């Protein structure tokens, strides 16, 4: 486990920083904990709107959302305190990503297109076909070659999840034109 790196003392501003200006790391380090605090507030507020039936015992339907919301608030507050006391995250050295390269927007676009196709095709063509297209497109976008192998793996996964959800769990997934073969 790595320990946080202490912040530069307030009396020693970074090179090129304006006097009295907030260090950039402080702003970027505070974003996740503040988002956690906000999420905690939303969860607690939404938990308060849950209707509790008269038949509910001591632990009603609000207990779990309240617990999650309070934990989010506690973790967010703890992280804010740590950041304000000078704790900073260390840069990752072990990642196999070249940080100097920019975002590959073509790959991002292909991934988004695969997801949009899933959403558009799931009703008319059913889960097995739509999930196969999604898996194939995603794997191809991320560099899987040959594409037909990704399609074959996607088909096996899609049919397996379809059978698991519909037969074992009893959760409806559309079969589309394959309903005669797979049953719905």
Protein backbone atom coordinates (compact mmCIF):
# COMPACT_ATOMS: atom_id res chain seq x y z
CA UNK A 1 0.00 0.00 0.00
CA UNK A 2 1.39 3.40 -0.90
CA UNK A 3 1.21 6.37 1.39
CA UNK A 4 -0.01 9.73 0.17
CA UNK A 5 2.63 12.28 -0.74
CA UNK A 6 2.42 15.34 1.49
CA UNK A 7 1.58 18.58 -0.23
CA UNK A 8 4.04 21.39 -0.77
CA UNK A 9 3.92 23.77 2.22
CA UNK A 10 1.75 26.84 1.67
CA UNK A 11 4.81 29.04 2.09
CA UNK A 12 6.51 27.45 -0.94
CA UNK A 13 4.34 28.01 -4.02
CA UNK A 14 5.00 25.97 -7.13
CA UNK A 15 7.18 27.50 -9.79
CA UNK A 16 5.16 29.92 -11.89
CA UNK A 17 2.19 29.91 -9.50
CA UNK A 18 0.56 33.15 -8.54
CA UNK A 19 0.81 34.20 -4.93
CA UNK A 20 -2.41 33.31 -3.10
CA UNK A 21 -3.68 31.12 -5.96
CA UNK A 22 -5.06 27.69 -5.11
CA UNK A 23 -2.74 24.89 -6.31
CA UNK A 24 -4.16 23.01 -9.28
CA UNK A 25 -3.76 19.63 -7.60
CA UNK A 26 -6.06 20.77 -4.79
CA UNK A 27 -8.92 21.38 -7.19
CA UNK A 28 -8.45 18.10 -9.05
CA UNK A 29 -8.00 16.11 -5.86
CA UNK A 30 -11.18 17.55 -4.34
CA UNK A 31 -13.48 16.67 -7.25
CA UNK A 32 -14.02 12.95 -6.45
CA UNK A 33 -14.66 13.43 -2.71
CA UNK A 34 -17.05 16.31 -3.36
CA UNK A 35 -18.89 14.14 -5.92
CA UNK A 36 -19.12 11.38 -3.27
CA UNK A 37 -20.57 13.88 -0.81
CA UNK A 38 -23.12 15.02 -3.39
CA UNK A 39 -24.05 11.44 -4.23
CA UNK A 40 -24.47 10.70 -0.52
CA UNK A 41 -26.82 13.66 -0.12
CA UNK A 42 -28.88 12.51 -3.11
CA UNK A 43 -29.09 8.92 -1.84
CA UNK A 44 -30.18 10.02 1.65
CA UNK A 45 -32.72 12.48 0.22
CA UNK A 46 -34.14 9.85 -2.13
CA UNK A 47 -34.25 7.26 0.65
CA UNK A 48 -36.47 9.61 2.64
CA UNK A 49 -39.05 9.50 -0.18
CA UNK A 50 -39.43 5.71 -0.08
CA UNK A 51 -42.91 4.74 1.08
CA UNK A 52 -42.83 2.48 4.11
CA UNK A 53 -45.74 0.04 4.32
CA UNK A 54 -47.52 -0.34 7.63
CA UNK A 55 -46.53 -4.01 7.68
CA UNK A 56 -42.79 -3.17 7.66
CA UNK A 57 -40.94 -4.33 10.74
CA UNK A 58 -38.15 -2.47 12.48
CA UNK A 59 -35.95 -2.66 9.38
CA UNK A 60 -37.94 -1.23 6.52
CA UNK A 61 -37.13 -0.52 2.89
CA UNK A 62 -35.31 2.71 3.80
CA UNK A 63 -32.62 1.06 5.93
CA UNK A 64 -30.25 -0.05 3.17
CA UNK A 65 -30.42 3.20 1.13
CA UNK A 66 -29.86 5.21 4.32
CA UNK A 67 -26.84 3.05 5.21
CA UNK A 68 -25.34 3.46 1.72
CA UNK A 69 -25.99 7.22 1.75
CA UNK A 70 -24.42 7.68 5.17
CA UNK A 71 -21.38 5.62 4.15
CA UNK A 72 -20.98 7.76 1.01
CA UNK A 73 -21.15 10.90 3.16
CA UNK A 74 -18.60 9.56 5.64
CA UNK A 75 -16.14 8.43 2.97
CA UNK A 76 -16.54 11.68 1.03
CA UNK A 77 -16.01 13.79 4.16
CA UNK A 78 -12.99 11.72 5.17
CA UNK A 79 -11.42 12.15 1.74
CA UNK A 80 -12.05 15.92 1.78
CA UNK A 81 -10.32 16.15 5.16
CA UNK A 82 -7.36 14.12 3.88
CA UNK A 83 -6.97 16.30 0.77
CA UNK A 84 -7.18 19.50 2.79
CA UNK A 85 -4.52 18.13 5.16
CA UNK A 86 -2.20 17.65 2.18
CA UNK A 87 -2.61 14.03 1.13
CA UNK A 88 -2.24 13.58 -2.62
CA UNK A 89 -2.58 10.55 -4.85
CA UNK A 90 0.55 9.21 -6.46
CA UNK A 91 0.87 8.90 -10.20
CA UNK A 92 0.56 5.38 -11.54
CA UNK A 93 3.87 3.94 -12.71
CA UNK A 94 2.70 0.44 -13.55
CA UNK A 95 0.10 1.28 -16.16
CA UNK A 96 0.75 0.14 -19.70
CA UNK A 97 -0.83 3.30 -21.09
CA UNK A 98 1.29 5.98 -22.70
CA UNK A 99 0.11 9.15 -20.95
CA UNK A 100 1.81 11.34 -23.54
CA UNK A 101 -0.54 10.11 -26.29
CA UNK A 102 -3.91 11.73 -26.70
CA UNK A 103 -7.30 10.11 -26.69
CA UNK A 104 -8.01 7.79 -29.60
CA UNK A 105 -11.35 9.29 -30.59
CA UNK A 106 -11.86 6.77 -33.39
CA UNK A 107 -11.87 3.93 -30.84
CA UNK A 108 -14.15 5.88 -28.52
CA UNK A 109 -16.52 6.48 -31.43
CA UNK A 110 -16.56 2.78 -32.35
CA UNK A 111 -17.29 1.83 -28.74
CA UNK A 112 -20.14 4.35 -28.50
CA UNK A 113 -21.52 3.12 -31.85
CA UNK A 114 -21.45 -0.48 -30.57
CA UNK A 115 -23.41 0.53 -27.49
CA UNK A 116 -25.94 2.54 -29.53
CA UNK A 117 -26.41 -0.47 -31.83
CA UNK A 118 -27.10 -2.64 -28.80
CA UNK A 119 -29.79 -0.24 -27.61
CA UNK A 120 -31.36 0.04 -31.06
CA UNK A 121 -31.25 -3.66 -31.98
CA UNK A 122 -32.28 -5.35 -28.74
CA UNK A 123 -36.04 -4.98 -29.31
CA UNK A 124 -36.35 -5.76 -33.03
CA UNK A 125 -33.64 -8.44 -33.27
CA UNK A 126 -33.60 -9.75 -29.70
CA UNK A 127 -30.90 -10.07 -27.07
CA UNK A 128 -28.80 -12.81 -28.70
CA UNK A 129 -28.30 -10.90 -31.97
CA UNK A 130 -27.93 -7.45 -30.37
CA UNK A 131 -25.47 -8.67 -27.73
CA UNK A 132 -23.45 -10.51 -30.36
CA UNK A 133 -23.19 -7.33 -32.45
CA UNK A 134 -22.25 -5.36 -29.31
CA UNK A 135 -19.55 -7.80 -28.22
CA UNK A 136 -18.14 -8.10 -31.73
CA UNK A 137 -18.03 -4.32 -32.23
CA UNK A 138 -16.48 -3.71 -28.83
CA UNK A 139 -13.84 -6.42 -29.20
CA UNK A 140 -12.99 -5.29 -32.75
CA UNK A 141 -12.71 -1.66 -31.58
CA UNK A 142 -10.26 -2.71 -28.89
CA UNK A 143 -8.09 -4.65 -31.32
CA UNK A 144 -9.43 -8.22 -31.41
CA UNK A 145 -8.47 -9.92 -34.65
CA UNK A 146 -9.88 -11.77 -36.54
CA UNK A 147 -13.34 -10.21 -36.15
CA UNK A 148 -15.16 -13.50 -36.78
CA UNK A 149 -13.59 -15.05 -33.66
CA UNK A 150 -14.92 -12.16 -31.58
CA UNK A 151 -18.32 -12.69 -33.21
CA UNK A 152 -18.26 -16.38 -32.32
CA UNK A 153 -17.33 -15.66 -28.70
CA UNK A 154 -20.00 -12.94 -28.60
CA UNK A 155 -22.63 -15.35 -29.90
CA UNK A 156 -21.76 -17.96 -27.27
CA UNK A 157 -21.86 -15.33 -24.49
CA UNK A 158 -25.11 -13.80 -25.76
CA UNK A 159 -26.94 -17.12 -26.02
CA UNK A 160 -25.54 -18.24 -22.64
CA UNK A 161 -26.72 -15.08 -20.89
CA UNK A 162 -30.09 -15.33 -22.66
CA UNK A 163 -30.60 -18.89 -21.41
CA UNK A 164 -29.34 -18.01 -17.91
CA UNK A 165 -31.68 -15.04 -17.57
CA UNK A 166 -34.79 -16.55 -19.17
CA UNK A 167 -34.56 -20.17 -17.98
CA UNK A 168 -32.71 -19.99 -14.66
CA UNK A 169 -33.56 -16.54 -13.30
CA UNK A 170 -36.95 -16.10 -14.99
CA UNK A 171 -36.08 -12.63 -16.27
CA UNK A 172 -37.48 -11.67 -19.66
CA UNK A 173 -35.04 -10.87 -22.47
CA UNK A 174 -36.38 -10.42 -25.98
CA UNK A 175 -35.52 -13.31 -28.30
CA UNK A 176 -36.42 -11.50 -31.53
CA UNK A 177 -36.58 -13.67 -34.65
CA UNK A 178 -34.79 -16.48 -32.78
CA UNK A 179 -37.79 -17.03 -30.49
CA UNK A 180 -38.78 -20.21 -32.34
CA UNK A 181 -35.30 -21.65 -31.75
CA UNK A 182 -34.55 -20.32 -28.24
CA UNK A 183 -38.05 -19.93 -26.86
CA UNK A 184 -38.83 -16.78 -24.92
